[in-house]
């Protein structure tokens, strides 16, 4: 359970965060060194060298393996620069824009990012993969500007073996009351289950995890329980209209419940890797992450059965998880390798090798209808069932203003996590933030 935190303990946590941060960023430094340790990313290699800027560090190995296959087939090198897991993905990309050094292919997260980069996109409307997907990204003039490389989903991922041992059916976790009862039961069985916490969730601003709280978690408030076509809440947020307070209060109550049963260190000071490690070691029953952690789970060699349960914060039944394109790749309109960049994306979308990369190796669900390859990784297999059953809610959070999730909402989540505010104040602050948006 969440505890009152003294100034001494909080200071210790901050120091620990700084130390862990050096370690956690090592993988990102390794992945980006090939690009950043040379005279500008545009000179990364020979004349036929595409620069792909990827915001999902967990699929870096799969992309680089495919890049080698693609080079053998076409003679064209693709240099993959991957950052994520707490890094400022858009900040780095904006630096490329300012330096007039744009990658040929670059990641963006939705409407907010698109608005910031609107002048950088090539028109992809006539590419052969466009009619094979329902989740491409459209620009302001109706043209296709975003290539969807995956369908991802999230809620509260769980260790089914531990739930079975506790006598809890994950199919029943479809309301606030169901979670409240299940969490209390699990918390009372810590010793029997061999766990240190019910949930592994992180909310620290300094750990760079605000994309998970202010983005993914807040996304459940924007969409869970609504008709998929209902955009009233996200539209209101973007217009600065304060929300339905009853819904917001119930959401705040659910977030407070999650924090109450989270591992205290991970919640306040933990990084992305700490969060995953706690769950992979079976020291927590749930983790607040989605199927994108599958590559980590495969590397860890987990043997327990897993699944994804809904972010069911309402009192009424909400039997569905959030699923959609996590982000998109755009092509730089002034790239010297414009056609080559387009051809690379087409190969990813239409060839067996591309499907193997995105689905089998990266552990994602393909956004392309003609792909017959099914996921084999743990959480993606469960996500496929939710998608096939049509029990999904859209990712409206990706349509929030640029930086709103991390810079405006993220710090409010941290205040609740550290007991600096309560659930009512949490709702008050979110309401005030929306009003001035």
Protein backbone atom coordinates (compact mmCIF):
# COMPACT_ATOMS: atom_id res chain seq x y z
CA UNK A 1 0.00 0.00 0.00
CA UNK A 2 1.09 3.60 -0.61
CA UNK A 3 2.71 5.13 2.45
CA UNK A 4 3.24 8.64 3.72
CA UNK A 5 6.61 9.75 2.45
CA UNK A 6 8.99 11.77 4.60
CA UNK A 7 11.25 14.42 3.15
CA UNK A 8 14.25 12.24 3.91
CA UNK A 9 12.82 9.23 2.04
CA UNK A 10 11.78 11.38 -0.90
CA UNK A 11 15.24 12.91 -1.10
CA UNK A 12 16.74 9.43 -1.05
CA UNK A 13 14.42 8.42 -3.87
CA UNK A 14 15.51 11.42 -5.95
CA UNK A 15 19.16 10.52 -5.48
CA UNK A 16 18.40 6.90 -6.44
CA UNK A 17 16.55 8.11 -9.51
CA UNK A 18 19.55 10.12 -10.64
CA UNK A 19 21.82 7.13 -10.23
CA UNK A 20 19.46 4.71 -11.95
CA UNK A 21 19.01 7.21 -14.76
CA UNK A 22 22.65 6.92 -15.76
CA UNK A 23 22.30 3.15 -16.01
CA UNK A 24 18.90 3.20 -17.72
CA UNK A 25 20.04 5.52 -20.46
CA UNK A 26 23.00 3.33 -21.44
CA UNK A 27 21.02 1.25 -23.93
CA UNK A 28 19.70 4.37 -25.63
CA UNK A 29 23.20 5.83 -25.86
CA UNK A 30 24.43 2.66 -27.55
CA UNK A 31 21.55 2.68 -30.03
CA UNK A 32 22.02 6.32 -31.03
CA UNK A 33 25.82 6.48 -31.06
CA UNK A 34 26.08 5.34 -34.66
CA UNK A 35 24.17 8.43 -35.70
CA UNK A 36 25.20 11.03 -33.15
CA UNK A 37 28.95 10.38 -33.09
CA UNK A 38 29.44 11.45 -36.68
CA UNK A 39 29.26 14.75 -38.50
CA UNK A 40 25.49 15.00 -38.77
CA UNK A 41 23.01 12.23 -39.30
CA UNK A 42 22.75 12.92 -43.03
CA UNK A 43 26.35 11.71 -43.48
CA UNK A 44 25.82 8.48 -41.57
CA UNK A 45 27.00 6.21 -44.35
CA UNK A 46 27.32 5.87 -48.10
CA UNK A 47 25.17 7.66 -50.68
CA UNK A 48 22.34 5.13 -50.50
CA UNK A 49 21.72 5.25 -46.77
CA UNK A 50 18.27 5.89 -45.31
CA UNK A 51 18.09 7.37 -41.81
CA UNK A 52 15.14 5.94 -39.85
CA UNK A 53 14.35 7.69 -36.57
CA UNK A 54 12.44 5.20 -34.39
CA UNK A 55 10.78 6.06 -31.07
CA UNK A 56 10.36 2.50 -29.78
CA UNK A 57 13.60 1.28 -28.28
CA UNK A 58 12.14 -2.20 -27.73
CA UNK A 59 11.89 -2.94 -31.47
CA UNK A 60 15.38 -1.66 -32.27
CA UNK A 61 16.91 -5.11 -32.69
CA UNK A 62 14.11 -6.30 -34.98
CA UNK A 63 14.39 -3.22 -37.20
CA UNK A 64 18.15 -3.51 -37.46
CA UNK A 65 17.92 -7.19 -38.35
CA UNK A 66 15.44 -6.37 -41.12
CA UNK A 67 17.64 -3.52 -42.31
CA UNK A 68 20.39 -6.06 -42.94
CA UNK A 69 18.00 -8.26 -44.94
CA UNK A 70 16.80 -5.24 -46.90
CA UNK A 71 20.36 -4.20 -47.70
CA UNK A 72 21.14 -7.66 -49.04
CA UNK A 73 18.02 -7.52 -51.24
CA UNK A 74 18.33 -3.95 -52.52
CA UNK A 75 21.83 -2.68 -51.82
CA UNK A 76 20.32 0.20 -49.84
CA UNK A 77 21.47 0.70 -46.28
CA UNK A 78 18.96 1.69 -43.58
CA UNK A 79 20.53 3.15 -40.45
CA UNK A 80 18.14 2.83 -37.52
CA UNK A 81 18.32 5.38 -34.71
CA UNK A 82 16.19 4.23 -31.78
CA UNK A 83 15.37 6.15 -28.63
CA UNK A 84 12.54 5.78 -26.16
CA UNK A 85 11.70 4.40 -22.74
CA UNK A 86 11.77 7.87 -21.20
CA UNK A 87 13.86 9.83 -23.73
CA UNK A 88 12.49 13.03 -25.25
CA UNK A 89 11.66 11.60 -28.67
CA UNK A 90 10.00 14.72 -30.06
CA UNK A 91 12.60 17.03 -28.52
CA UNK A 92 15.34 15.22 -30.40
CA UNK A 93 13.34 15.32 -33.62
CA UNK A 94 12.68 19.05 -33.25
CA UNK A 95 16.43 19.45 -32.90
CA UNK A 96 16.84 17.77 -36.28
CA UNK A 97 14.30 20.17 -37.76
CA UNK A 98 16.11 23.20 -36.31
CA UNK A 99 19.43 21.92 -37.66
CA UNK A 100 17.93 21.28 -41.12
CA UNK A 101 19.02 17.67 -40.70
CA UNK A 102 15.80 15.70 -40.84
CA UNK A 103 15.80 11.88 -40.93
CA UNK A 104 14.40 10.37 -44.10
CA UNK A 105 11.80 8.47 -42.04
CA UNK A 106 10.71 9.74 -38.62
CA UNK A 107 8.27 8.81 -35.87
CA UNK A 108 5.41 11.02 -34.69
CA UNK A 109 2.72 10.33 -32.10
CA UNK A 110 -0.47 11.88 -33.45
CA UNK A 111 -2.21 15.18 -33.97
CA UNK A 112 -0.07 17.20 -31.57
CA UNK A 113 3.20 16.06 -33.12
CA UNK A 114 1.78 16.43 -36.62
CA UNK A 115 0.86 20.04 -35.93
CA UNK A 116 4.42 20.76 -34.81
CA UNK A 117 5.93 19.12 -37.90
CA UNK A 118 3.26 19.83 -40.50
CA UNK A 119 5.66 21.22 -43.10
CA UNK A 120 7.95 18.18 -43.02
CA UNK A 121 5.69 15.42 -44.39
CA UNK A 122 5.69 13.80 -47.81
CA UNK A 123 2.33 12.76 -49.28
CA UNK A 124 2.00 8.96 -49.06
CA UNK A 125 -1.55 8.74 -50.41
CA UNK A 126 -0.61 6.73 -53.51
CA UNK A 127 1.53 4.15 -51.75
CA UNK A 128 0.41 0.52 -52.28
CA UNK A 129 -0.15 -0.19 -48.57
CA UNK A 130 -2.68 2.61 -48.03
CA UNK A 131 -5.72 0.54 -49.04
CA UNK A 132 -4.54 -2.36 -46.89
CA UNK A 133 -4.97 -0.63 -43.52
CA UNK A 134 -7.57 1.27 -41.52
CA UNK A 135 -5.17 3.11 -39.23
CA UNK A 136 -3.10 5.29 -41.54
CA UNK A 137 -2.64 8.93 -40.45
CA UNK A 138 -4.24 11.71 -42.48
CA UNK A 139 -2.92 15.25 -42.81
CA UNK A 140 -5.01 18.39 -42.66
CA UNK A 141 -5.77 18.27 -46.37
CA UNK A 142 -6.92 14.66 -46.33
CA UNK A 143 -3.67 13.23 -47.66
CA UNK A 144 -2.02 10.20 -46.04
CA UNK A 145 1.15 11.26 -44.21
CA UNK A 146 1.62 8.53 -41.60
CA UNK A 147 2.68 4.91 -42.09
CA UNK A 148 1.23 2.63 -39.35
CA UNK A 149 3.75 -0.01 -38.38
CA UNK A 150 1.78 -1.72 -35.60
CA UNK A 151 -1.39 -2.19 -33.63
CA UNK A 152 -0.72 -2.13 -29.92
CA UNK A 153 -2.96 -2.47 -26.91
CA UNK A 154 -2.86 -1.85 -23.20
CA UNK A 155 -4.77 -1.91 -19.96
CA UNK A 156 -3.40 -3.67 -16.91
CA UNK A 157 -1.26 -6.61 -17.97
CA UNK A 158 -1.39 -9.50 -15.53
CA UNK A 159 0.35 -12.67 -14.42
CA UNK A 160 -2.41 -15.25 -14.83
CA UNK A 161 -0.55 -17.87 -12.79
CA UNK A 162 -0.62 -15.60 -9.74
CA UNK A 163 -4.27 -14.65 -10.30
CA UNK A 164 -5.17 -18.35 -10.54
CA UNK A 165 -3.34 -19.02 -7.30
CA UNK A 166 -5.34 -16.23 -5.65
CA UNK A 167 -8.61 -17.54 -7.10
CA UNK A 168 -9.25 -14.43 -9.22
CA UNK A 169 -10.61 -14.73 -12.77
CA UNK A 170 -9.18 -11.90 -14.91
CA UNK A 171 -12.36 -11.94 -17.00
CA UNK A 172 -14.17 -10.43 -14.00
CA UNK A 173 -11.95 -7.33 -13.89
CA UNK A 174 -14.32 -5.06 -15.76
CA UNK A 175 -15.26 -2.40 -13.17
CA UNK A 176 -13.78 -0.27 -10.41
CA UNK A 177 -15.38 -2.38 -7.70
CA UNK A 178 -13.97 -5.58 -9.19
CA UNK A 179 -10.44 -4.15 -9.11
CA UNK A 180 -10.90 -2.77 -5.61
CA UNK A 181 -11.89 -6.21 -4.34
CA UNK A 182 -9.19 -8.06 -6.29
CA UNK A 183 -6.41 -5.69 -5.22
CA UNK A 184 -7.38 -5.97 -1.55
CA UNK A 185 -7.39 -9.76 -1.77
CA UNK A 186 -4.01 -9.90 -3.50
CA UNK A 187 -2.51 -7.46 -1.03
CA UNK A 188 -3.59 -9.73 1.80
CA UNK A 189 -1.88 -12.71 0.12
CA UNK A 190 1.54 -11.14 -0.49
CA UNK A 191 3.48 -13.70 1.50
CA UNK A 192 1.56 -16.64 0.07
CA UNK A 193 2.01 -15.39 -3.50
CA UNK A 194 5.63 -14.32 -3.02
CA UNK A 195 4.99 -10.78 -4.22
CA UNK A 196 6.13 -7.42 -2.89
CA UNK A 197 3.31 -5.41 -4.48
CA UNK A 198 0.06 -5.91 -6.37
CA UNK A 199 1.02 -3.59 -9.22
CA UNK A 200 4.18 -2.38 -10.94
CA UNK A 201 3.55 1.20 -12.09
CA UNK A 202 5.82 4.22 -12.40
CA UNK A 203 4.84 7.90 -12.19
CA UNK A 204 8.06 9.84 -11.72
CA UNK A 205 8.64 12.90 -13.91
CA UNK A 206 12.42 12.60 -13.53
CA UNK A 207 12.27 8.97 -14.69
CA UNK A 208 10.75 10.12 -17.99
CA UNK A 209 7.73 7.87 -17.55
CA UNK A 210 5.05 10.56 -17.98
CA UNK A 211 4.20 9.21 -21.44
CA UNK A 212 2.78 6.20 -19.58
CA UNK A 213 0.75 8.16 -17.02
CA UNK A 214 -0.22 11.40 -18.79
CA UNK A 215 -0.55 9.59 -22.11
CA UNK A 216 -1.55 5.96 -21.82
CA UNK A 217 -3.31 6.03 -18.46
CA UNK A 218 -5.14 9.26 -19.17
CA UNK A 219 -6.14 7.72 -22.49
CA UNK A 220 -8.44 5.36 -20.61
CA UNK A 221 -10.32 8.38 -19.23
CA UNK A 222 -10.69 9.73 -22.78
CA UNK A 223 -12.11 6.55 -24.33
CA UNK A 224 -12.94 3.66 -21.99
CA UNK A 225 -16.64 2.80 -21.91
CA UNK A 226 -17.53 5.08 -24.82
CA UNK A 227 -18.60 4.22 -28.33
CA UNK A 228 -15.43 4.12 -30.47
CA UNK A 229 -16.82 6.95 -32.61
CA UNK A 230 -17.45 9.18 -29.58
CA UNK A 231 -14.73 11.85 -29.56
CA UNK A 232 -16.58 14.26 -27.29
CA UNK A 233 -14.07 14.15 -24.43
CA UNK A 234 -10.93 14.58 -26.53
CA UNK A 235 -12.67 17.23 -28.63
CA UNK A 236 -13.62 19.09 -25.46
CA UNK A 237 -10.07 18.86 -24.13
CA UNK A 238 -8.66 20.31 -27.34
CA UNK A 239 -11.23 23.11 -27.18
CA UNK A 240 -10.42 23.89 -23.54
CA UNK A 241 -13.85 22.76 -22.35
CA UNK A 242 -13.92 21.34 -18.84
CA UNK A 243 -15.05 17.72 -18.69
CA UNK A 244 -17.91 15.80 -17.15
CA UNK A 245 -16.81 16.08 -13.53
CA UNK A 246 -18.47 12.85 -12.40
CA UNK A 247 -16.47 10.85 -14.94
CA UNK A 248 -13.27 12.68 -14.04
CA UNK A 249 -13.82 12.08 -10.31
CA UNK A 250 -14.33 8.37 -10.90
CA UNK A 251 -11.18 8.25 -13.03
CA UNK A 252 -9.20 10.05 -10.30
CA UNK A 253 -10.48 7.51 -7.77
CA UNK A 254 -9.21 4.66 -9.97
CA UNK A 255 -5.77 6.21 -10.44
CA UNK A 256 -5.51 6.64 -6.67
CA UNK A 257 -6.40 2.96 -6.26
CA UNK A 258 -3.65 1.96 -8.69
CA UNK A 259 -1.11 4.07 -6.82
CA UNK A 260 -2.22 2.73 -3.44
CA UNK A 261 -1.35 -0.83 -4.47
CA UNK A 262 1.81 -0.06 -6.47
CA UNK A 263 5.35 -0.86 -5.43
CA UNK A 264 6.44 2.35 -3.67
CA UNK A 265 9.97 2.58 -5.06
CA UNK A 266 8.98 1.87 -8.65
CA UNK A 267 6.03 4.26 -8.42
CA UNK A 268 8.02 7.23 -7.15
CA UNK A 269 11.56 6.64 -8.39
CA UNK A 270 11.50 3.75 -10.85
CA UNK A 271 12.38 3.79 -14.51
CA UNK A 272 10.77 1.81 -17.32
CA UNK A 273 13.22 -1.07 -16.90
CA UNK A 274 12.62 -1.20 -13.13
CA UNK A 275 8.91 -1.50 -13.76
CA UNK A 276 9.33 -4.38 -16.17
CA UNK A 277 11.91 -6.17 -14.02
CA UNK A 278 9.63 -6.19 -10.96
CA UNK A 279 6.84 -7.84 -12.97
CA UNK A 280 9.05 -10.21 -14.94
CA UNK A 281 10.49 -11.44 -11.63
CA UNK A 282 6.91 -12.19 -10.47
CA UNK A 283 7.13 -9.74 -7.58
CA UNK A 284 3.96 -7.98 -8.77
CA UNK A 285 0.74 -9.40 -10.22
CA UNK A 286 -0.04 -6.52 -12.60
CA UNK A 287 2.01 -4.09 -14.66
CA UNK A 288 0.80 -0.82 -16.15
CA UNK A 289 2.18 -1.46 -19.64
CA UNK A 290 0.94 -3.02 -22.89
CA UNK A 291 2.16 -5.54 -25.40
CA UNK A 292 5.15 -3.40 -26.41
CA UNK A 293 7.03 -4.95 -23.48
CA UNK A 294 6.90 -8.36 -25.18
CA UNK A 295 10.51 -8.19 -26.47
CA UNK A 296 11.64 -7.59 -22.88
CA UNK A 297 9.60 -10.57 -21.67
CA UNK A 298 11.05 -12.82 -24.34
CA UNK A 299 14.57 -11.75 -23.39
CA UNK A 300 13.77 -12.41 -19.74
CA UNK A 301 12.54 -15.89 -20.67
CA UNK A 302 9.31 -15.65 -18.67
CA UNK A 303 7.35 -18.88 -18.32
CA UNK A 304 4.16 -17.66 -16.63
CA UNK A 305 0.91 -17.11 -18.54
CA UNK A 306 -0.03 -13.48 -19.19
CA UNK A 307 -2.92 -11.37 -20.44
CA UNK A 308 -4.30 -7.84 -20.60
CA UNK A 309 -7.24 -6.69 -18.48
CA UNK A 310 -9.30 -3.53 -19.12
CA UNK A 311 -8.51 -0.15 -17.56
CA UNK A 312 -12.00 -0.40 -16.11
CA UNK A 313 -12.21 2.73 -13.96
CA UNK A 314 -15.99 3.08 -14.14
CA UNK A 315 -18.51 1.43 -11.85
CA UNK A 316 -20.40 0.06 -14.84
CA UNK A 317 -19.00 -2.86 -16.83
CA UNK A 318 -16.40 -1.90 -19.44
CA UNK A 319 -15.15 -5.05 -21.11
CA UNK A 320 -12.55 -3.75 -23.53
CA UNK A 321 -8.94 -2.57 -23.74
CA UNK A 322 -7.36 0.35 -25.59
CA UNK A 323 -5.88 -0.60 -28.95
CA UNK A 324 -4.66 1.32 -31.95
CA UNK A 325 -1.61 2.55 -33.82
CA UNK A 326 0.89 3.65 -31.15
CA UNK A 327 2.50 6.14 -33.48
CA UNK A 328 3.30 6.52 -37.15
CA UNK A 329 6.29 7.01 -39.40
CA UNK A 330 6.39 9.97 -41.73
CA UNK A 331 8.69 10.48 -44.70
CA UNK A 332 10.60 13.75 -44.97
CA UNK A 333 9.30 15.58 -48.03
CA UNK A 334 12.70 17.04 -48.97
CA UNK A 335 14.65 13.84 -48.48
CA UNK A 336 17.30 13.14 -51.10
CA UNK A 337 16.17 9.52 -50.84
CA UNK A 338 12.43 10.18 -50.98
CA UNK A 339 11.52 7.27 -53.25
CA UNK A 340 13.92 4.93 -51.49
CA UNK A 341 12.32 5.76 -48.14
CA UNK A 342 8.84 5.12 -49.55
CA UNK A 343 10.01 1.83 -51.05
CA UNK A 344 11.42 0.71 -47.71
CA UNK A 345 8.05 1.26 -46.00
CA UNK A 346 6.26 -0.57 -48.80
CA UNK A 347 8.57 -3.54 -48.35
CA UNK A 348 7.85 -3.61 -44.61
CA UNK A 349 4.12 -3.61 -45.31
CA UNK A 350 3.93 -6.03 -48.22
CA UNK A 351 6.70 -8.62 -48.03
CA UNK A 352 7.05 -11.79 -45.92
CA UNK A 353 10.32 -10.46 -44.54
CA UNK A 354 8.61 -7.23 -43.51
CA UNK A 355 5.81 -9.12 -41.79
CA UNK A 356 8.35 -11.26 -39.95
CA UNK A 357 10.08 -8.12 -38.73
CA UNK A 358 6.96 -6.35 -37.46
CA UNK A 359 5.05 -9.33 -36.09
CA UNK A 360 7.39 -12.21 -35.25
CA UNK A 361 10.56 -10.34 -34.35
CA UNK A 362 9.16 -7.06 -32.98
CA UNK A 363 6.24 -8.80 -31.28
CA UNK A 364 3.53 -6.52 -32.65
CA UNK A 365 0.21 -6.99 -34.44
CA UNK A 366 0.33 -6.00 -38.09
CA UNK A 367 -1.91 -3.07 -39.10
CA UNK A 368 -2.16 -4.47 -42.62
CA UNK A 369 -5.16 -6.61 -43.52
CA UNK A 370 -3.31 -8.86 -45.97
CA UNK A 371 -0.74 -9.95 -43.37
CA UNK A 372 -1.36 -13.53 -42.35
CA UNK A 373 1.44 -13.80 -39.81
CA UNK A 374 0.05 -13.97 -36.27
CA UNK A 375 1.90 -12.82 -33.16
CA UNK A 376 3.78 -15.36 -31.12
CA UNK A 377 4.87 -13.19 -28.19
CA UNK A 378 2.98 -13.40 -24.88
CA UNK A 379 0.93 -10.20 -24.58
CA UNK A 380 0.47 -9.70 -28.32
CA UNK A 381 -1.25 -13.09 -28.53
CA UNK A 382 -3.76 -11.97 -25.91
CA UNK A 383 -4.18 -8.58 -27.60
CA UNK A 384 -5.03 -10.35 -30.87
CA UNK A 385 -8.02 -11.95 -29.12
CA UNK A 386 -9.35 -8.56 -27.95
CA UNK A 387 -8.95 -7.09 -31.43
CA UNK A 388 -10.58 -10.09 -33.12
CA UNK A 389 -13.54 -9.83 -30.69
CA UNK A 390 -13.94 -6.12 -31.41
CA UNK A 391 -13.54 -5.29 -27.71
CA UNK A 392 -11.32 -2.25 -28.07
CA UNK A 393 -11.38 1.49 -27.43
CA UNK A 394 -9.40 3.99 -29.54
CA UNK A 395 -6.23 5.85 -28.60
CA UNK A 396 -7.68 9.35 -28.32
CA UNK A 397 -4.73 10.43 -26.19
CA UNK A 398 -2.58 10.64 -29.32
CA UNK A 399 -4.77 13.55 -30.44
CA UNK A 400 -3.88 15.70 -27.43
CA UNK A 401 -1.72 18.81 -28.03
CA UNK A 402 2.01 18.31 -28.44
CA UNK A 403 3.61 17.68 -25.05
CA UNK A 404 0.35 17.94 -23.11
CA UNK A 405 0.57 14.39 -21.77
CA UNK A 406 4.12 14.63 -20.45
CA UNK A 407 4.48 18.30 -19.56
CA UNK A 408 1.01 19.20 -18.28
CA UNK A 409 -0.55 15.96 -17.05
CA UNK A 410 2.51 13.93 -16.04
CA UNK A 411 3.48 16.18 -13.10
CA UNK A 412 -0.07 15.99 -11.72
CA UNK A 413 0.13 12.19 -11.64
CA UNK A 414 3.43 12.44 -9.78
CA UNK A 415 1.86 14.71 -7.15
CA UNK A 416 -0.84 12.11 -6.50
CA UNK A 417 1.73 9.31 -6.39
CA UNK A 418 3.73 11.10 -3.70
CA UNK A 419 0.64 11.98 -1.61
CA UNK A 420 1.22 15.68 -2.20
CA UNK A 421 -2.42 15.85 -3.36
CA UNK A 422 -5.46 13.61 -3.01
CA UNK A 423 -7.82 12.30 -5.69
CA UNK A 424 -10.14 15.32 -5.47
CA UNK A 425 -7.26 17.74 -5.93
CA UNK A 426 -5.96 15.56 -8.76
CA UNK A 427 -9.29 15.98 -10.58
CA UNK A 428 -9.31 19.72 -9.76
CA UNK A 429 -5.87 20.19 -11.29
CA UNK A 430 -6.70 18.24 -14.44
CA UNK A 431 -9.90 20.22 -14.85
CA UNK A 432 -7.99 23.49 -14.46
CA UNK A 433 -5.31 22.34 -16.92
CA UNK A 434 -7.93 21.53 -19.54
CA UNK A 435 -9.66 24.88 -19.02
CA UNK A 436 -6.51 26.79 -19.99
CA UNK A 437 -5.45 24.41 -22.74
